[in-house]
Structure formats: C-alpha cells, structure tokens
Amino acid sequence: MVKRKPKNPRKGFNRSKKEWEESIATHIGKFIDKLDGNQIMTLLSNAIVGYAGFKAVEKLSPGYWEEVEPSGPPGSGGVGGKVWHEGANLEMKLGGAASAIIALKLASSMNLVAGASGTAYLASLGLINFWDPITNTIKGVFPFYMESVDSPVSTFPFIIPHIFP
C-alpha cells in the first residue's frame, strides 16, 4: 500500500469558500494580535475625526431646489418645476474625512504653525457638527429666531439682531 502525503491547504485562487474564510480570519487575527495600545488609540482617534469630517461636509452642503424649464414635445406642457439636487456626493464626504485626519496629524505635530492650523481646522469641524443642536435649542427658546434660515452656514450664530430691541 502506498502512503499518501497529508493534504496541505490549497493556496492561490483555487480555494473553497470555507478555505477563504479560514485564511482571512487567520490574517485578521494575526493583525489584531500584533496591535499595541498606542496603535489602537491612533486607529480610534483617526476613525472619530474622519467621521466628524464626513458629517461636517454632509452638513455644509444640504442640497437645494432648482427651477427647471418645461421640456418635452411642443404643446404637451412638458415636464418642469422644481428638481431636488443632493448636496455632497460620496467623494466630497470622503475628502472631508481625509482632510480631517490630515488635520489631526498636523495638530499632533511638533511644529507650532502646523499644530495651530490643524487645531483650528479641528475646532471648525467641531463648530460645524455642533451647530445644528445649538440652532435647534435657540429655535426652541426663541421661536421667532431664524424663521427663514434653511442652511446652518447662512448666519453666524452670535448675531441675533432682532431678539433684543
């Protein structure tokens, strides 16, 4: 009787679904095992700042209505009216996330000017992301304030000319 060699796991692209799952799980496990506390905190801070940049771009471009001229065959009346355009697309939002991560790297650098610019950018992200809750609170306290404001960027939050006589 001929002895057979033990079967080694297949490599390359000729694997079954189960072999692919085991291979990927092994690689992810090895990656996580090699992480230390500093790398985990860096990963977490980059994720938080990236999300803040993503949401800030989303809030800065809320979308708009556009009047469209009627079009179609003559005499049909055409299709016209108002059309809604989305604000920021995914590429713009991901760009905001990337720029926020770069600002975090600048803020944590040992250069005074770079640190100040990164800190100022991160502070502006914080103001943009907290503007909506502040606006909703002011609207609840002063219902006549900001009745015609559609965008959180259209007014400066501390200019309230018609509240106090």
Foldseek 3Di string as FASTA:
>chain_A
DDDDDDDDQDDDPPHDPVSVVVVVVVVVVVVVVPDDPVVVVLVVVLVVQLVLQLVLQCQQFAWDKDWFDADDDPPPRHDTGIDIDGGDDPVNSNVSSVVSSVLVVQLPDPDPVSVVVSVVVSVVSVCSVCLVVVVVVVCVVPVVPPPPDDGSPPDDVPDGPPPPD
